[in-house]
């Protein structure tokens, strides 16, 4: 299947984002001051590349590829930090690659957009307005009713807020990215209030999302949060994109099913990587434990 030029641009940018973000995890783990600064710069560059990717490719292509940053992180940790990548880690990486390949090969081609007003028209259609209202109502209920009571004991509440707001963030980021792309090509989109509206939405949603994601990371185990957040965020983003941009209108049932299977495959690989990431360290400690147990009888006999 032929891949459109815009999808190729989006794919390259999304891969670049994963490389920078994945390498930043390794740099930060080094714990050095200079390395920490480099890691921050890598994250910034990675997020910029991810932002730009949404201007070219549909969210169903860009968002799931975020899991590839975990692969780059795992591979670099194996060679740089000497953290053994065990058989389940390799299998997780393979699953992520296979799932990503399936999505890339069957990703829909977006319609050409010549003005941010077209994005505004899509965002103000009844279907997406209903979705936005549902998201905002759920977020308000979670923040004002459930967070005070169950926020410290139920991870899904913080993750739910981040995922719901994240789906609106991505749609606004995509709209702003398209506006910037058109502006750089000579068609200034900042003369329209819609561009500034999307900019404000991006800022507000990002701040809210970061706030509750930090609370989740401070309260619960990162190894559990990461796969759950990835699945919820990606699922809601794909639903929002399907409603707003109608990504699947031009595709047949087999293409849609293949993309969904690719997403499930990526999730499986991501979950496997997170669930078994410390297995190599545990295995490396077993010989010591066995040695201690075998030495104990000898010491007693003496």
C-alpha atoms as a PDB file:
ATOM      1  CA  UNK A   1       0.000   0.000   0.000  1.00  0.00           C
ATOM      2  CA  UNK A   2       1.337   3.401  -0.979  1.00  0.00           C
ATOM      3  CA  UNK A   3       1.990   5.853   1.849  1.00  0.00           C
ATOM      4  CA  UNK A   4       1.245   9.537   1.225  1.00  0.00           C
ATOM      5  CA  UNK A   5       4.026  12.128   1.395  1.00  0.00           C
ATOM      6  CA  UNK A   6       2.459  13.870   4.387  1.00  0.00           C
ATOM      7  CA  UNK A   7       2.221  10.560   6.242  1.00  0.00           C
ATOM      8  CA  UNK A   8       5.913   9.944   5.519  1.00  0.00           C
ATOM      9  CA  UNK A   9       6.788  13.381   6.926  1.00  0.00           C
ATOM     10  CA  UNK A  10       4.657  12.688   9.992  1.00  0.00           C
ATOM     11  CA  UNK A  11       6.230   9.241  10.403  1.00  0.00           C
ATOM     12  CA  UNK A  12       9.775  10.640  10.259  1.00  0.00           C
ATOM     13  CA  UNK A  13       8.927  13.347  12.790  1.00  0.00           C
ATOM     14  CA  UNK A  14       7.204  10.869  15.115  1.00  0.00           C
ATOM     15  CA  UNK A  15      10.199   8.511  14.952  1.00  0.00           C
ATOM     16  CA  UNK A  16      12.549  11.420  15.642  1.00  0.00           C
ATOM     17  CA  UNK A  17      10.435  12.345  18.640  1.00  0.00           C
ATOM     18  CA  UNK A  18      10.633   8.792  19.993  1.00  0.00           C
ATOM     19  CA  UNK A  19      14.412   8.710  19.540  1.00  0.00           C
ATOM     20  CA  UNK A  20      14.974  11.988  21.383  1.00  0.00           C
ATOM     21  CA  UNK A  21      12.542  11.200  24.206  1.00  0.00           C
ATOM     22  CA  UNK A  22      13.778   7.616  24.557  1.00  0.00           C
ATOM     23  CA  UNK A  23      17.409   8.729  24.727  1.00  0.00           C
ATOM     24  CA  UNK A  24      16.512  11.409  27.292  1.00  0.00           C
ATOM     25  CA  UNK A  25      15.458   8.672  29.732  1.00  0.00           C
ATOM     26  CA  UNK A  26      18.934   7.152  29.534  1.00  0.00           C
ATOM     27  CA  UNK A  27      20.671  10.508  29.853  1.00  0.00           C
ATOM     28  CA  UNK A  28      18.627  11.436  32.917  1.00  0.00           C
ATOM     29  CA  UNK A  29      19.343   8.067  34.498  1.00  0.00           C
ATOM     30  CA  UNK A  30      23.054   8.831  34.358  1.00  0.00           C
ATOM     31  CA  UNK A  31      22.412  11.372  37.100  1.00  0.00           C
ATOM     32  CA  UNK A  32      25.043  13.866  35.973  1.00  0.00           C
ATOM     33  CA  UNK A  33      24.401  17.627  35.894  1.00  0.00           C
ATOM     34  CA  UNK A  34      25.537  18.032  32.316  1.00  0.00           C
ATOM     35  CA  UNK A  35      23.688  14.883  31.304  1.00  0.00           C
ATOM     36  CA  UNK A  36      20.535  16.186  32.982  1.00  0.00           C
ATOM     37  CA  UNK A  37      20.673  19.373  30.903  1.00  0.00           C
ATOM     38  CA  UNK A  38      21.188  17.314  27.767  1.00  0.00           C
ATOM     39  CA  UNK A  39      18.243  15.126  28.698  1.00  0.00           C
ATOM     40  CA  UNK A  40      15.959  18.130  29.111  1.00  0.00           C
ATOM     41  CA  UNK A  41      17.013  19.458  25.705  1.00  0.00           C
ATOM     42  CA  UNK A  42      16.362  16.035  24.154  1.00  0.00           C
ATOM     43  CA  UNK A  43      12.845  15.974  25.609  1.00  0.00           C
ATOM     44  CA  UNK A  44      12.128  19.474  24.291  1.00  0.00           C
ATOM     45  CA  UNK A  45      13.364  18.577  20.798  1.00  0.00           C
ATOM     46  CA  UNK A  46      11.370  15.343  20.917  1.00  0.00           C
ATOM     47  CA  UNK A  47       8.151  17.112  21.896  1.00  0.00           C
ATOM     48  CA  UNK A  48       8.656  19.709  19.152  1.00  0.00           C
ATOM     49  CA  UNK A  49       9.093  16.919  16.598  1.00  0.00           C
ATOM     50  CA  UNK A  50       5.976  15.199  17.933  1.00  0.00           C
ATOM     51  CA  UNK A  51       4.070  18.493  17.717  1.00  0.00           C
ATOM     52  CA  UNK A  52       5.142  18.941  14.097  1.00  0.00           C
ATOM     53  CA  UNK A  53       4.174  15.359  13.235  1.00  0.00           C
ATOM     54  CA  UNK A  54       0.507  16.106  13.951  1.00  0.00           C
ATOM     55  CA  UNK A  55       0.561  18.841  11.317  1.00  0.00           C
ATOM     56  CA  UNK A  56       1.289  16.266   8.601  1.00  0.00           C
ATOM     57  CA  UNK A  57      -0.157  12.916   9.634  1.00  0.00           C
ATOM     58  CA  UNK A  58      -3.406  11.738  11.246  1.00  0.00           C
ATOM     59  CA  UNK A  59      -3.468  11.179  15.004  1.00  0.00           C
ATOM     60  CA  UNK A  60      -4.108   7.473  14.471  1.00  0.00           C
ATOM     61  CA  UNK A  61      -0.615   7.263  12.932  1.00  0.00           C
ATOM     62  CA  UNK A  62       1.320   9.626  15.213  1.00  0.00           C
ATOM     63  CA  UNK A  63      -0.078   8.847  18.666  1.00  0.00           C
ATOM     64  CA  UNK A  64       0.545   5.059  18.823  1.00  0.00           C
ATOM     65  CA  UNK A  65       4.141   5.580  17.662  1.00  0.00           C
ATOM     66  CA  UNK A  66       4.858   7.225  21.010  1.00  0.00           C
ATOM     67  CA  UNK A  67       5.401   3.691  22.331  1.00  0.00           C
ATOM     68  CA  UNK A  68       8.593   3.471  20.250  1.00  0.00           C
ATOM     69  CA  UNK A  69      10.334   5.782  22.725  1.00  0.00           C
ATOM     70  CA  UNK A  70      10.160   2.862  25.185  1.00  0.00           C
ATOM     71  CA  UNK A  71      11.981   0.644  22.675  1.00  0.00           C
ATOM     72  CA  UNK A  72      14.780   3.149  22.120  1.00  0.00           C
ATOM     73  CA  UNK A  73      15.068   3.592  25.873  1.00  0.00           C
ATOM     74  CA  UNK A  74      15.278  -0.171  26.472  1.00  0.00           C
ATOM     75  CA  UNK A  75      17.835  -0.761  23.711  1.00  0.00           C
ATOM     76  CA  UNK A  76      20.048   2.140  24.802  1.00  0.00           C
ATOM     77  CA  UNK A  77      19.844   0.992  28.417  1.00  0.00           C
ATOM     78  CA  UNK A  78      21.053  -2.435  27.302  1.00  0.00           C
ATOM     79  CA  UNK A  79      24.176  -1.048  25.615  1.00  0.00           C
ATOM     80  CA  UNK A  80      24.910   2.109  27.629  1.00  0.00           C
ATOM     81  CA  UNK A  81      23.703   1.328  31.152  1.00  0.00           C
ATOM     82  CA  UNK A  82      24.424  -2.402  30.860  1.00  0.00           C
ATOM     83  CA  UNK A  83      20.864  -3.208  31.920  1.00  0.00           C
ATOM     84  CA  UNK A  84      20.205  -6.621  30.469  1.00  0.00           C
ATOM     85  CA  UNK A  85      17.407  -6.756  27.897  1.00  0.00           C
ATOM     86  CA  UNK A  86      15.922 -10.177  28.668  1.00  0.00           C
ATOM     87  CA  UNK A  87      13.899 -12.358  26.326  1.00  0.00           C
ATOM     88  CA  UNK A  88      10.560 -10.817  27.343  1.00  0.00           C
ATOM     89  CA  UNK A  89      11.989  -7.344  26.757  1.00  0.00           C
ATOM     90  CA  UNK A  90      13.058  -8.371  23.250  1.00  0.00           C
ATOM     91  CA  UNK A  91       9.598  -9.824  22.618  1.00  0.00           C
ATOM     92  CA  UNK A  92       8.005  -6.579  23.824  1.00  0.00           C
ATOM     93  CA  UNK A  93      10.174  -4.563  21.432  1.00  0.00           C
ATOM     94  CA  UNK A  94       9.281  -6.868  18.535  1.00  0.00           C
ATOM     95  CA  UNK A  95       5.556  -6.541  19.300  1.00  0.00           C
ATOM     96  CA  UNK A  96       5.810  -2.725  19.336  1.00  0.00           C
ATOM     97  CA  UNK A  97       7.648  -2.732  15.988  1.00  0.00           C
ATOM     98  CA  UNK A  98       5.151  -5.140  14.386  1.00  0.00           C
ATOM     99  CA  UNK A  99       2.170  -3.135  15.644  1.00  0.00           C
ATOM    100  CA  UNK A 100       3.695   0.162  14.524  1.00  0.00           C
ATOM    101  CA  UNK A 101       4.422  -1.260  11.075  1.00  0.00           C
ATOM    102  CA  UNK A 102       0.813  -2.410  10.703  1.00  0.00           C
ATOM    103  CA  UNK A 103      -0.491   1.042  11.601  1.00  0.00           C
ATOM    104  CA  UNK A 104       1.986   2.856   9.338  1.00  0.00           C
ATOM    105  CA  UNK A 105       1.149   0.699   6.317  1.00  0.00           C
ATOM    106  CA  UNK A 106      -2.609   1.133   6.756  1.00  0.00           C
ATOM    107  CA  UNK A 107      -2.827   4.680   8.128  1.00  0.00           C
ATOM    108  CA  UNK A 108      -5.479   6.839   6.430  1.00  0.00           C
ATOM    109  CA  UNK A 109      -4.552   9.789   4.259  1.00  0.00           C
ATOM    110  CA  UNK A 110      -5.896  13.089   5.518  1.00  0.00           C
ATOM    111  CA  UNK A 111      -7.719  15.563   3.345  1.00  0.00           C
ATOM    112  CA  UNK A 112      -5.774  18.633   2.286  1.00  0.00           C
ATOM    113  CA  UNK A 113      -6.620  21.555   4.584  1.00  0.00           C
ATOM    114  CA  UNK A 114      -6.042  25.047   3.189  1.00  0.00           C
ATOM    115  CA  UNK A 115      -7.140  27.156   6.139  1.00  0.00           C
ATOM    116  CA  UNK A 116      -7.507  26.893   9.908  1.00  0.00           C
ATOM    117  CA  UNK A 117     -11.147  27.821   9.303  1.00  0.00           C
ATOM    118  CA  UNK A 118     -11.631  24.332   7.849  1.00  0.00           C
ATOM    119  CA  UNK A 119     -10.339  22.813  11.086  1.00  0.00           C
ATOM    120  CA  UNK A 120     -12.657  25.112  13.029  1.00  0.00           C
ATOM    121  CA  UNK A 121     -15.576  23.874  10.932  1.00  0.00           C
ATOM    122  CA  UNK A 122     -14.671  20.267  11.776  1.00  0.00           C
ATOM    123  CA  UNK A 123     -14.315  21.130  15.476  1.00  0.00           C
ATOM    124  CA  UNK A 124     -17.729  22.804  15.610  1.00  0.00           C
ATOM    125  CA  UNK A 125     -19.675  20.006  13.981  1.00  0.00           C
ATOM    126  CA  UNK A 126     -22.316  18.426  16.270  1.00  0.00           C
ATOM    127  CA  UNK A 127     -20.453  15.149  16.697  1.00  0.00           C
ATOM    128  CA  UNK A 128     -17.247  16.670  18.058  1.00  0.00           C
ATOM    129  CA  UNK A 129     -19.113  19.253  20.157  1.00  0.00           C
ATOM    130  CA  UNK A 130     -20.989  16.392  21.853  1.00  0.00           C
ATOM    131  CA  UNK A 131     -17.687  14.556  22.425  1.00  0.00           C
ATOM    132  CA  UNK A 132     -16.077  17.701  23.877  1.00  0.00           C
ATOM    133  CA  UNK A 133     -19.013  18.300  26.221  1.00  0.00           C
ATOM    134  CA  UNK A 134     -18.898  14.693  27.448  1.00  0.00           C
ATOM    135  CA  UNK A 135     -15.135  14.977  28.069  1.00  0.00           C
ATOM    136  CA  UNK A 136     -15.472  18.257  29.978  1.00  0.00           C
ATOM    137  CA  UNK A 137     -18.349  16.947  32.125  1.00  0.00           C
ATOM    138  CA  UNK A 138     -16.398  13.789  32.987  1.00  0.00           C
ATOM    139  CA  UNK A 139     -13.265  15.812  33.808  1.00  0.00           C
ATOM    140  CA  UNK A 140     -15.211  18.162  36.093  1.00  0.00           C
ATOM    141  CA  UNK A 141     -16.812  15.209  37.888  1.00  0.00           C
ATOM    142  CA  UNK A 142     -13.420  13.545  38.321  1.00  0.00           C
ATOM    143  CA  UNK A 143     -11.731  16.720  39.593  1.00  0.00           C
ATOM    144  CA  UNK A 144     -14.392  18.035  41.971  1.00  0.00           C
ATOM    145  CA  UNK A 145     -16.150  14.861  43.102  1.00  0.00           C
ATOM    146  CA  UNK A 146     -13.779  11.911  42.847  1.00  0.00           C
ATOM    147  CA  UNK A 147     -10.275  13.353  43.293  1.00  0.00           C
ATOM    148  CA  UNK A 148     -10.891  14.585  46.889  1.00  0.00           C
ATOM    149  CA  UNK A 149     -12.355  11.217  47.900  1.00  0.00           C
ATOM    150  CA  UNK A 150     -10.511   8.584  45.899  1.00  0.00           C
ATOM    151  CA  UNK A 151      -7.607  10.333  44.154  1.00  0.00           C
ATOM    152  CA  UNK A 152      -4.984   8.955  46.523  1.00  0.00           C
ATOM    153  CA  UNK A 153      -6.214   5.371  46.292  1.00  0.00           C
ATOM    154  CA  UNK A 154      -7.486   4.916  42.726  1.00  0.00           C
ATOM    155  CA  UNK A 155      -4.950   5.482  39.959  1.00  0.00           C
ATOM    156  CA  UNK A 156      -7.600   5.494  37.232  1.00  0.00           C
ATOM    157  CA  UNK A 157      -8.943   8.878  38.416  1.00  0.00           C
ATOM    158  CA  UNK A 158      -5.730  10.838  37.767  1.00  0.00           C
ATOM    159  CA  UNK A 159      -5.007   8.861  34.608  1.00  0.00           C
ATOM    160  CA  UNK A 160      -8.578   9.396  33.403  1.00  0.00           C
ATOM    161  CA  UNK A 161      -8.269  13.184  33.748  1.00  0.00           C
ATOM    162  CA  UNK A 162      -4.970  13.182  31.852  1.00  0.00           C
ATOM    163  CA  UNK A 163      -6.288  10.921  29.096  1.00  0.00           C
ATOM    164  CA  UNK A 164      -9.556  12.785  28.575  1.00  0.00           C
ATOM    165  CA  UNK A 165      -7.841  16.174  28.448  1.00  0.00           C
ATOM    166  CA  UNK A 166      -5.055  14.671  26.364  1.00  0.00           C
ATOM    167  CA  UNK A 167      -7.471  13.793  23.571  1.00  0.00           C
ATOM    168  CA  UNK A 168      -8.571  17.445  23.369  1.00  0.00           C
ATOM    169  CA  UNK A 169      -4.945  18.560  23.617  1.00  0.00           C
ATOM    170  CA  UNK A 170      -3.956  16.484  20.595  1.00  0.00           C
ATOM    171  CA  UNK A 171      -6.852  17.804  18.506  1.00  0.00           C
ATOM    172  CA  UNK A 172      -5.895  21.398  19.395  1.00  0.00           C
ATOM    173  CA  UNK A 173      -2.199  20.683  18.805  1.00  0.00           C
ATOM    174  CA  UNK A 174      -3.072  19.272  15.407  1.00  0.00           C
ATOM    175  CA  UNK A 175      -5.122  22.362  14.543  1.00  0.00           C
ATOM    176  CA  UNK A 176      -2.317  24.675  15.698  1.00  0.00           C
ATOM    177  CA  UNK A 177       0.271  22.600  13.839  1.00  0.00           C
ATOM    178  CA  UNK A 178      -1.722  22.879  10.613  1.00  0.00           C
ATOM    179  CA  UNK A 179      -2.018  26.652  11.151  1.00  0.00           C
ATOM    180  CA  UNK A 180       1.761  26.940  11.603  1.00  0.00           C
ATOM    181  CA  UNK A 181       2.453  24.778   8.558  1.00  0.00           C
ATOM    182  CA  UNK A 182       0.191  26.938   6.396  1.00  0.00           C
ATOM    183  CA  UNK A 183       1.685  30.120   7.859  1.00  0.00           C
ATOM    184  CA  UNK A 184       5.233  28.995   7.039  1.00  0.00           C
ATOM    185  CA  UNK A 185       4.106  28.206   3.495  1.00  0.00           C
ATOM    186  CA  UNK A 186       3.027  31.828   3.042  1.00  0.00           C
ATOM    187  CA  UNK A 187      -0.625  31.755   4.136  1.00  0.00           C
ATOM    188  CA  UNK A 188      -0.731  33.565   7.467  1.00  0.00           C
ATOM    189  CA  UNK A 189      -3.280  31.867   9.743  1.00  0.00           C
ATOM    190  CA  UNK A 190      -2.698  34.058  12.782  1.00  0.00           C
ATOM    191  CA  UNK A 191      -5.009  36.699  11.381  1.00  0.00           C
ATOM    192  CA  UNK A 192      -7.903  34.401  12.342  1.00  0.00           C
ATOM    193  CA  UNK A 193      -9.205  34.212  15.892  1.00  0.00           C
ATOM    194  CA  UNK A 194      -9.584  30.433  15.517  1.00  0.00           C
ATOM    195  CA  UNK A 195      -5.793  30.002  15.553  1.00  0.00           C
ATOM    196  CA  UNK A 196      -5.506  31.919  18.822  1.00  0.00           C
ATOM    197  CA  UNK A 197      -8.412  29.971  20.296  1.00  0.00           C
ATOM    198  CA  UNK A 198      -6.669  26.660  19.563  1.00  0.00           C
ATOM    199  CA  UNK A 199      -3.465  28.087  21.065  1.00  0.00           C
ATOM    200  CA  UNK A 200      -5.219  28.935  24.335  1.00  0.00           C
ATOM    201  CA  UNK A 201      -6.850  25.488  24.456  1.00  0.00           C
ATOM    202  CA  UNK A 202      -3.451  23.817  23.967  1.00  0.00           C
ATOM    203  CA  UNK A 203      -1.915  25.793  26.855  1.00  0.00           C
ATOM    204  CA  UNK A 204      -4.816  25.212  29.272  1.00  0.00           C
ATOM    205  CA  UNK A 205      -5.143  21.500  28.460  1.00  0.00           C
ATOM    206  CA  UNK A 206      -1.389  20.908  28.712  1.00  0.00           C
ATOM    207  CA  UNK A 207      -1.138  22.602  32.114  1.00  0.00           C
ATOM    208  CA  UNK A 208      -4.071  20.602  33.485  1.00  0.00           C
ATOM    209  CA  UNK A 209      -2.748  17.390  31.997  1.00  0.00           C
ATOM    210  CA  UNK A 210       0.777  17.877  33.384  1.00  0.00           C
ATOM    211  CA  UNK A 211      -0.574  18.753  36.837  1.00  0.00           C
ATOM    212  CA  UNK A 212      -2.567  15.547  37.264  1.00  0.00           C
ATOM    213  CA  UNK A 213       0.020  13.368  35.537  1.00  0.00           C
ATOM    214  CA  UNK A 214       2.597  14.551  38.085  1.00  0.00           C
ATOM    215  CA  UNK A 215       0.159  13.764  40.901  1.00  0.00           C
ATOM    216  CA  UNK A 216      -0.326  10.274  39.486  1.00  0.00           C
ATOM    217  CA  UNK A 217       3.422   9.686  39.197  1.00  0.00           C
ATOM    218  CA  UNK A 218       3.995  10.956  42.725  1.00  0.00           C
ATOM    219  CA  UNK A 219       1.300   8.693  44.174  1.00  0.00           C
ATOM    220  CA  UNK A 220       1.475   5.457  42.202  1.00  0.00           C
ATOM    221  CA  UNK A 221       4.011   3.128  40.591  1.00  0.00           C
ATOM    222  CA  UNK A 222       5.276   4.483  37.255  1.00  0.00           C
ATOM    223  CA  UNK A 223       5.535   0.964  35.814  1.00  0.00           C
ATOM    224  CA  UNK A 224       1.770   0.557  36.263  1.00  0.00           C
ATOM    225  CA  UNK A 225       0.764   4.079  35.246  1.00  0.00           C
ATOM    226  CA  UNK A 226       2.674   4.155  31.954  1.00  0.00           C
ATOM    227  CA  UNK A 227       0.895   1.312  30.097  1.00  0.00           C
ATOM    228  CA  UNK A 228      -2.541   2.246  31.488  1.00  0.00           C
ATOM    229  CA  UNK A 229      -2.078   5.904  30.560  1.00  0.00           C
ATOM    230  CA  UNK A 230      -0.772   4.959  27.118  1.00  0.00           C
ATOM    231  CA  UNK A 231      -3.809   2.805  26.357  1.00  0.00           C
ATOM    232  CA  UNK A 232      -6.399   5.294  27.661  1.00  0.00           C
ATOM    233  CA  UNK A 233      -4.748   8.322  26.085  1.00  0.00           C
ATOM    234  CA  UNK A 234      -4.216   6.645  22.709  1.00  0.00           C
ATOM    235  CA  UNK A 235      -7.722   5.158  22.622  1.00  0.00           C
ATOM    236  CA  UNK A 236      -9.437   8.454  23.434  1.00  0.00           C
ATOM    237  CA  UNK A 237      -7.215  10.358  21.000  1.00  0.00           C
ATOM    238  CA  UNK A 238      -8.070   7.963  18.171  1.00  0.00           C
ATOM    239  CA  UNK A 239     -11.783   8.263  19.006  1.00  0.00           C
ATOM    240  CA  UNK A 240     -11.554  12.071  19.055  1.00  0.00           C
ATOM    241  CA  UNK A 241      -9.656  12.114  15.752  1.00  0.00           C
ATOM    242  CA  UNK A 242     -12.138   9.723  14.175  1.00  0.00           C
ATOM    243  CA  UNK A 243     -15.025  11.996  15.199  1.00  0.00           C
ATOM    244  CA  UNK A 244     -13.393  15.314  14.297  1.00  0.00           C
ATOM    245  CA  UNK A 245     -11.308  14.511  11.212  1.00  0.00           C
ATOM    246  CA  UNK A 246     -13.276  11.437  10.127  1.00  0.00           C
ATOM    247  CA  UNK A 247     -10.044   9.510   9.588  1.00  0.00           C
ATOM    248  CA  UNK A 248     -11.757   6.216   8.799  1.00  0.00           C
ATOM    249  CA  UNK A 249     -14.309   7.481   6.268  1.00  0.00           C
ATOM    250  CA  UNK A 250     -12.018   6.681   3.348  1.00  0.00           C
ATOM    251  CA  UNK A 251     -11.016   3.233   4.620  1.00  0.00           C
ATOM    252  CA  UNK A 252     -12.587  -0.178   4.343  1.00  0.00           C
ATOM    253  CA  UNK A 253     -13.284  -2.579   7.193  1.00  0.00           C
ATOM    254  CA  UNK A 254     -10.109  -4.638   6.710  1.00  0.00           C
ATOM    255  CA  UNK A 255      -7.889  -1.549   6.963  1.00  0.00           C
ATOM    256  CA  UNK A 256      -9.624  -0.385  10.127  1.00  0.00           C
ATOM    257  CA  UNK A 257      -9.387  -3.825  11.739  1.00  0.00           C
ATOM    258  CA  UNK A 258      -5.690  -4.032  10.805  1.00  0.00           C
ATOM    259  CA  UNK A 259      -5.019  -0.658  12.453  1.00  0.00           C
ATOM    260  CA  UNK A 260      -6.883  -1.741  15.599  1.00  0.00           C
ATOM    261  CA  UNK A 261      -4.899  -4.990  15.681  1.00  0.00           C
ATOM    262  CA  UNK A 262      -1.712  -2.943  15.314  1.00  0.00           C
ATOM    263  CA  UNK A 263      -2.720  -0.800  18.268  1.00  0.00           C
ATOM    264  CA  UNK A 264      -3.492  -3.856  20.425  1.00  0.00           C
ATOM    265  CA  UNK A 265      -0.122  -5.344  19.428  1.00  0.00           C
ATOM    266  CA  UNK A 266       1.700  -2.158  20.462  1.00  0.00           C
ATOM    267  CA  UNK A 267      -0.165  -2.127  23.760  1.00  0.00           C
ATOM    268  CA  UNK A 268       0.807  -5.751  24.401  1.00  0.00           C
ATOM    269  CA  UNK A 269       4.457  -4.970  23.727  1.00  0.00           C
ATOM    270  CA  UNK A 270       4.356  -1.859  25.902  1.00  0.00           C
ATOM    271  CA  UNK A 271       2.713  -3.729  28.771  1.00  0.00           C
ATOM    272  CA  UNK A 272       5.233  -6.560  28.496  1.00  0.00           C
ATOM    273  CA  UNK A 273       8.179  -4.148  28.543  1.00  0.00           C
ATOM    274  CA  UNK A 274       6.904  -2.352  31.638  1.00  0.00           C
ATOM    275  CA  UNK A 275       5.787  -5.481  33.462  1.00  0.00           C
ATOM    276  CA  UNK A 276       9.095  -7.311  33.048  1.00  0.00           C
ATOM    277  CA  UNK A 277      11.575  -4.427  32.907  1.00  0.00           C
ATOM    278  CA  UNK A 278      13.279  -5.411  36.199  1.00  0.00           C
ATOM    279  CA  UNK A 279      13.430  -9.120  35.423  1.00  0.00           C
ATOM    280  CA  UNK A 280      17.005  -8.900  34.179  1.00  0.00           C
ATOM    281  CA  UNK A 281      18.121  -7.293  37.426  1.00  0.00           C
ATOM    282  CA  UNK A 282      16.319  -9.935  39.472  1.00  0.00           C
ATOM    283  CA  UNK A 283      17.985 -12.705  37.498  1.00  0.00           C
ATOM    284  CA  UNK A 284      21.394 -11.139  38.012  1.00  0.00           C
ATOM    285  CA  UNK A 285      20.837 -11.251  41.761  1.00  0.00           C
ATOM    286  CA  UNK A 286      19.788 -14.900  41.878  1.00  0.00           C
ATOM    287  CA  UNK A 287      23.304 -16.418  41.748  1.00  0.00           C
ATOM    288  CA  UNK A 288      24.260 -14.407  44.831  1.00  0.00           C
ATOM    289  CA  UNK A 289      21.214 -15.625  46.704  1.00  0.00           C
ATOM    290  CA  UNK A 290      21.896 -19.215  45.677  1.00  0.00           C
ATOM    291  CA  UNK A 291      25.520 -18.915  46.678  1.00  0.00           C
ATOM    292  CA  UNK A 292      24.527 -17.599  50.092  1.00  0.00           C
ATOM    293  CA  UNK A 293      22.108 -20.454  50.599  1.00  0.00           C
ATOM    294  CA  UNK A 294      24.706 -23.050  49.607  1.00  0.00           C
ATOM    295  CA  UNK A 295      27.349 -21.487  51.822  1.00  0.00           C
ATOM    296  CA  UNK A 296      25.144 -21.409  54.916  1.00  0.00           C
ATOM    297  CA  UNK A 297      25.257 -25.184  55.648  1.00  0.00           C
ATOM    298  CA  UNK A 298      29.044 -25.207  55.246  1.00  0.00           C
ATOM    299  CA  UNK A 299      29.455 -22.345  57.674  1.00  0.00           C
ATOM    300  CA  UNK A 300      27.188 -24.074  60.180  1.00  0.00           C
ATOM    301  CA  UNK A 301      29.023 -27.344  59.834  1.00  0.00           C
ATOM    302  CA  UNK A 302      32.253 -25.638  60.637  1.00  0.00           C
END
